[in-house]
């Protein structure tokens, strides 16, 4: 038997498998900064604007109106969502079968959840005082974020993603109980800043 025709040793086979696995991971790798950093920046900017509008004692800390604060938050979230969607779509193009179907259904769930919450807030918002309208929108949206991060963690057995959802749920719940000003402050610092730190930390680990 020629050297070129000899059967590969177990060590060579294992090396080839590892090289192919590493190549596949590079193709489907999503930079954690893409998934966490844009949302962190969006929430830090948007909810800081809300905090300056509400204040902690009912008096604004800066001449920022509620529509202006909402515009800052919405624009920042649209940009963050576009960046995250690009990263997820790029990964999803590299996979086939069950994994691709899971990713597609998960994306549709985000769209359905946010759309339904928006309809509820639009319907119930006019019945509430001005401060409570902003709290309704923010609290309901963050509830969707928390639950879908936890669901995503369960689907892909990703504990980091699951515990991020738990963290969002805890901060959101405490903020809703304390009121609009505190909710905006806690969300800006603990979720906005927290997502930025999480993205940097996970990027460093990978």
Protein backbone atom coordinates (compact mmCIF):
# COMPACT_ATOMS: atom_id res chain seq x y z
CA UNK A 1 0.00 0.00 0.00
CA UNK A 2 1.34 3.42 -0.92
CA UNK A 3 1.77 6.09 1.75
CA UNK A 4 -0.94 8.22 0.10
CA UNK A 5 -3.41 5.32 0.32
CA UNK A 6 -2.84 4.36 3.92
CA UNK A 7 -5.71 4.78 6.35
CA UNK A 8 -5.41 7.92 8.50
CA UNK A 9 -4.48 7.39 12.11
CA UNK A 10 -7.01 8.22 14.88
CA UNK A 11 -4.94 11.30 15.74
CA UNK A 12 -5.06 12.57 12.14
CA UNK A 13 -8.80 11.92 11.91
CA UNK A 14 -9.40 13.82 15.16
CA UNK A 15 -7.28 16.72 13.90
CA UNK A 16 -9.27 16.92 10.65
CA UNK A 17 -12.57 16.83 12.56
CA UNK A 18 -11.43 19.66 14.83
CA UNK A 19 -10.26 21.75 11.88
CA UNK A 20 -13.60 21.29 10.09
CA UNK A 21 -15.52 22.08 13.27
CA UNK A 22 -13.49 25.25 13.80
CA UNK A 23 -14.12 26.31 10.19
CA UNK A 24 -17.86 25.74 10.61
CA UNK A 25 -17.91 27.74 13.82
CA UNK A 26 -16.19 30.65 12.08
CA UNK A 27 -18.89 30.64 9.41
CA UNK A 28 -21.83 30.66 11.87
CA UNK A 29 -20.17 32.77 14.57
CA UNK A 30 -22.10 35.86 15.64
CA UNK A 31 -20.05 38.52 17.32
CA UNK A 32 -21.62 39.06 20.79
CA UNK A 33 -21.07 42.78 20.27
CA UNK A 34 -23.61 42.61 17.44
CA UNK A 35 -26.25 41.05 19.70
CA UNK A 36 -25.69 43.01 22.91
CA UNK A 37 -23.74 46.22 22.31
CA UNK A 38 -26.25 47.98 19.98
CA UNK A 39 -29.15 47.32 22.37
CA UNK A 40 -27.08 48.50 25.30
CA UNK A 41 -26.24 51.77 23.56
CA UNK A 42 -29.87 52.24 22.45
CA UNK A 43 -31.25 51.73 25.96
CA UNK A 44 -28.54 53.82 27.59
CA UNK A 45 -29.33 56.77 25.31
CA UNK A 46 -33.12 56.36 25.17
CA UNK A 47 -33.82 55.68 28.82
CA UNK A 48 -31.36 58.34 29.96
CA UNK A 49 -33.46 60.79 27.95
CA UNK A 50 -36.59 59.44 29.67
CA UNK A 51 -34.92 59.70 33.09
CA UNK A 52 -33.98 63.33 32.47
CA UNK A 53 -37.60 63.98 31.44
CA UNK A 54 -39.20 62.23 34.44
CA UNK A 55 -36.71 62.83 37.25
CA UNK A 56 -37.04 60.86 40.49
CA UNK A 57 -39.30 63.30 42.31
CA UNK A 58 -41.68 64.14 39.48
CA UNK A 59 -39.67 67.16 38.30
CA UNK A 60 -37.63 66.98 35.06
CA UNK A 61 -33.86 67.24 35.28
CA UNK A 62 -33.51 68.60 31.74
CA UNK A 63 -35.81 70.32 29.21
CA UNK A 64 -36.58 67.13 27.33
CA UNK A 65 -40.20 66.43 26.43
CA UNK A 66 -41.70 62.95 26.41
CA UNK A 67 -42.04 62.91 22.58
CA UNK A 68 -38.36 63.87 22.29
CA UNK A 69 -37.28 61.13 24.70
CA UNK A 70 -39.46 58.62 22.87
CA UNK A 71 -37.94 59.67 19.53
CA UNK A 72 -34.41 59.14 20.86
CA UNK A 73 -35.33 55.68 22.16
CA UNK A 74 -37.21 54.59 19.04
CA UNK A 75 -34.51 55.74 16.59
CA UNK A 76 -31.78 54.09 18.67
CA UNK A 77 -33.77 50.85 18.90
CA UNK A 78 -34.44 50.78 15.16
CA UNK A 79 -30.71 51.08 14.49
CA UNK A 80 -29.92 48.43 17.12
CA UNK A 81 -32.56 46.09 15.72
CA UNK A 82 -31.21 46.49 12.19
CA UNK A 83 -27.67 45.65 13.32
CA UNK A 84 -28.80 42.62 15.34
CA UNK A 85 -31.09 41.38 12.54
CA UNK A 86 -28.21 41.60 10.06
CA UNK A 87 -26.01 39.50 12.32
CA UNK A 88 -28.69 36.85 12.89
CA UNK A 89 -29.61 36.72 9.19
CA UNK A 90 -25.96 36.34 8.26
CA UNK A 91 -25.63 33.38 10.63
CA UNK A 92 -28.91 31.83 9.51
CA UNK A 93 -27.73 31.74 5.87
CA UNK A 94 -24.91 29.41 6.90
CA UNK A 95 -27.10 26.72 8.45
CA UNK A 96 -29.74 24.34 7.14
CA UNK A 97 -32.53 22.14 8.38
CA UNK A 98 -33.87 22.26 11.92
CA UNK A 99 -31.49 24.97 13.16
CA UNK A 100 -32.47 27.33 10.34
CA UNK A 101 -36.18 26.70 10.99
CA UNK A 102 -35.69 27.43 14.70
CA UNK A 103 -33.97 30.70 13.88
CA UNK A 104 -36.72 31.76 11.47
CA UNK A 105 -39.53 30.94 13.92
CA UNK A 106 -37.68 32.73 16.70
CA UNK A 107 -37.38 35.85 14.53
CA UNK A 108 -41.10 35.75 13.68
CA UNK A 109 -41.88 35.45 17.40
CA UNK A 110 -40.00 38.68 18.09
CA UNK A 111 -41.98 40.46 15.39
CA UNK A 112 -45.32 39.09 16.65
CA UNK A 113 -44.59 39.90 20.30
CA UNK A 114 -43.49 43.47 19.68
CA UNK A 115 -46.41 44.09 17.29
CA UNK A 116 -48.99 42.79 19.78
CA UNK A 117 -47.53 44.78 22.68
CA UNK A 118 -47.58 47.91 20.51
CA UNK A 119 -51.28 47.40 19.72
CA UNK A 120 -52.10 46.90 23.42
CA UNK A 121 -50.16 50.01 24.42
CA UNK A 122 -51.78 52.09 21.67
CA UNK A 123 -55.24 50.93 22.82
CA UNK A 124 -54.73 51.38 26.57
CA UNK A 125 -52.31 54.33 26.56
CA UNK A 126 -54.93 57.09 26.21
CA UNK A 127 -56.66 55.78 29.36
CA UNK A 128 -53.60 56.42 31.53
CA UNK A 129 -51.83 59.52 32.90
CA UNK A 130 -48.94 60.80 30.79
CA UNK A 131 -46.22 59.31 33.03
CA UNK A 132 -47.91 55.92 33.07
CA UNK A 133 -48.14 55.81 29.27
CA UNK A 134 -44.35 55.79 28.98
CA UNK A 135 -44.09 53.19 31.74
CA UNK A 136 -46.65 50.99 29.95
CA UNK A 137 -44.67 51.08 26.71
CA UNK A 138 -41.28 50.54 28.33
CA UNK A 139 -42.41 47.86 30.79
CA UNK A 140 -44.34 45.88 28.19
CA UNK A 141 -41.55 45.99 25.61
CA UNK A 142 -38.91 44.89 28.12
CA UNK A 143 -41.18 42.06 29.21
CA UNK A 144 -41.16 40.76 25.62
CA UNK A 145 -37.37 41.14 25.49
CA UNK A 146 -36.91 39.25 28.77
CA UNK A 147 -39.19 36.35 27.85
CA UNK A 148 -37.78 35.92 24.35
CA UNK A 149 -34.19 35.99 25.57
CA UNK A 150 -35.10 33.27 28.07
CA UNK A 151 -36.92 31.30 25.36
CA UNK A 152 -33.94 31.67 23.02
CA UNK A 153 -31.65 30.40 25.75
CA UNK A 154 -33.89 27.36 26.21
CA UNK A 155 -34.09 26.65 22.45
CA UNK A 156 -30.32 26.75 21.90
CA UNK A 157 -29.31 25.65 25.43
CA UNK A 158 -27.46 28.95 25.85
CA UNK A 159 -27.25 29.77 29.55
CA UNK A 160 -25.74 33.22 28.90
CA UNK A 161 -28.76 34.20 26.83
CA UNK A 162 -31.18 32.71 29.36
CA UNK A 163 -29.69 34.58 32.32
CA UNK A 164 -29.63 37.83 30.34
CA UNK A 165 -33.40 37.37 29.99
CA UNK A 166 -33.72 36.76 33.73
CA UNK A 167 -31.71 39.93 34.41
CA UNK A 168 -33.91 42.01 32.08
CA UNK A 169 -37.05 40.63 33.76
CA UNK A 170 -35.76 41.41 37.26
CA UNK A 171 -34.68 44.98 36.46
CA UNK A 172 -37.89 45.65 34.55
CA UNK A 173 -40.09 44.32 37.36
CA UNK A 174 -38.37 46.37 40.05
CA UNK A 175 -38.48 49.48 37.89
CA UNK A 176 -42.21 49.12 37.14
CA UNK A 177 -42.93 48.85 40.88
CA UNK A 178 -40.86 51.96 41.69
CA UNK A 179 -42.34 54.17 38.96
CA UNK A 180 -41.45 55.82 35.67
CA UNK A 181 -38.37 57.79 36.79
CA UNK A 182 -36.76 54.87 38.60
CA UNK A 183 -37.65 52.50 35.78
CA UNK A 184 -35.89 54.76 33.27
CA UNK A 185 -32.81 55.11 35.51
CA UNK A 186 -32.49 51.39 36.27
CA UNK A 187 -33.02 50.45 32.63
CA UNK A 188 -30.44 52.95 31.37
CA UNK A 189 -27.76 51.92 33.87
CA UNK A 190 -28.37 48.22 34.58
CA UNK A 191 -29.72 47.12 31.19
CA UNK A 192 -28.14 49.66 28.84
CA UNK A 193 -24.80 49.57 30.62
CA UNK A 194 -25.22 45.87 31.42
CA UNK A 195 -25.71 44.89 27.77
CA UNK A 196 -22.64 46.87 26.76
CA UNK A 197 -20.55 45.11 29.42
CA UNK A 198 -22.04 41.71 28.50
CA UNK A 199 -21.19 42.18 24.83
CA UNK A 200 -17.60 43.17 25.62
CA UNK A 201 -17.16 40.32 28.12
CA UNK A 202 -18.59 37.64 25.82
CA UNK A 203 -16.50 38.96 22.93
CA UNK A 204 -13.40 38.68 25.12
CA UNK A 205 -14.28 35.11 26.14
CA UNK A 206 -14.81 33.96 22.55
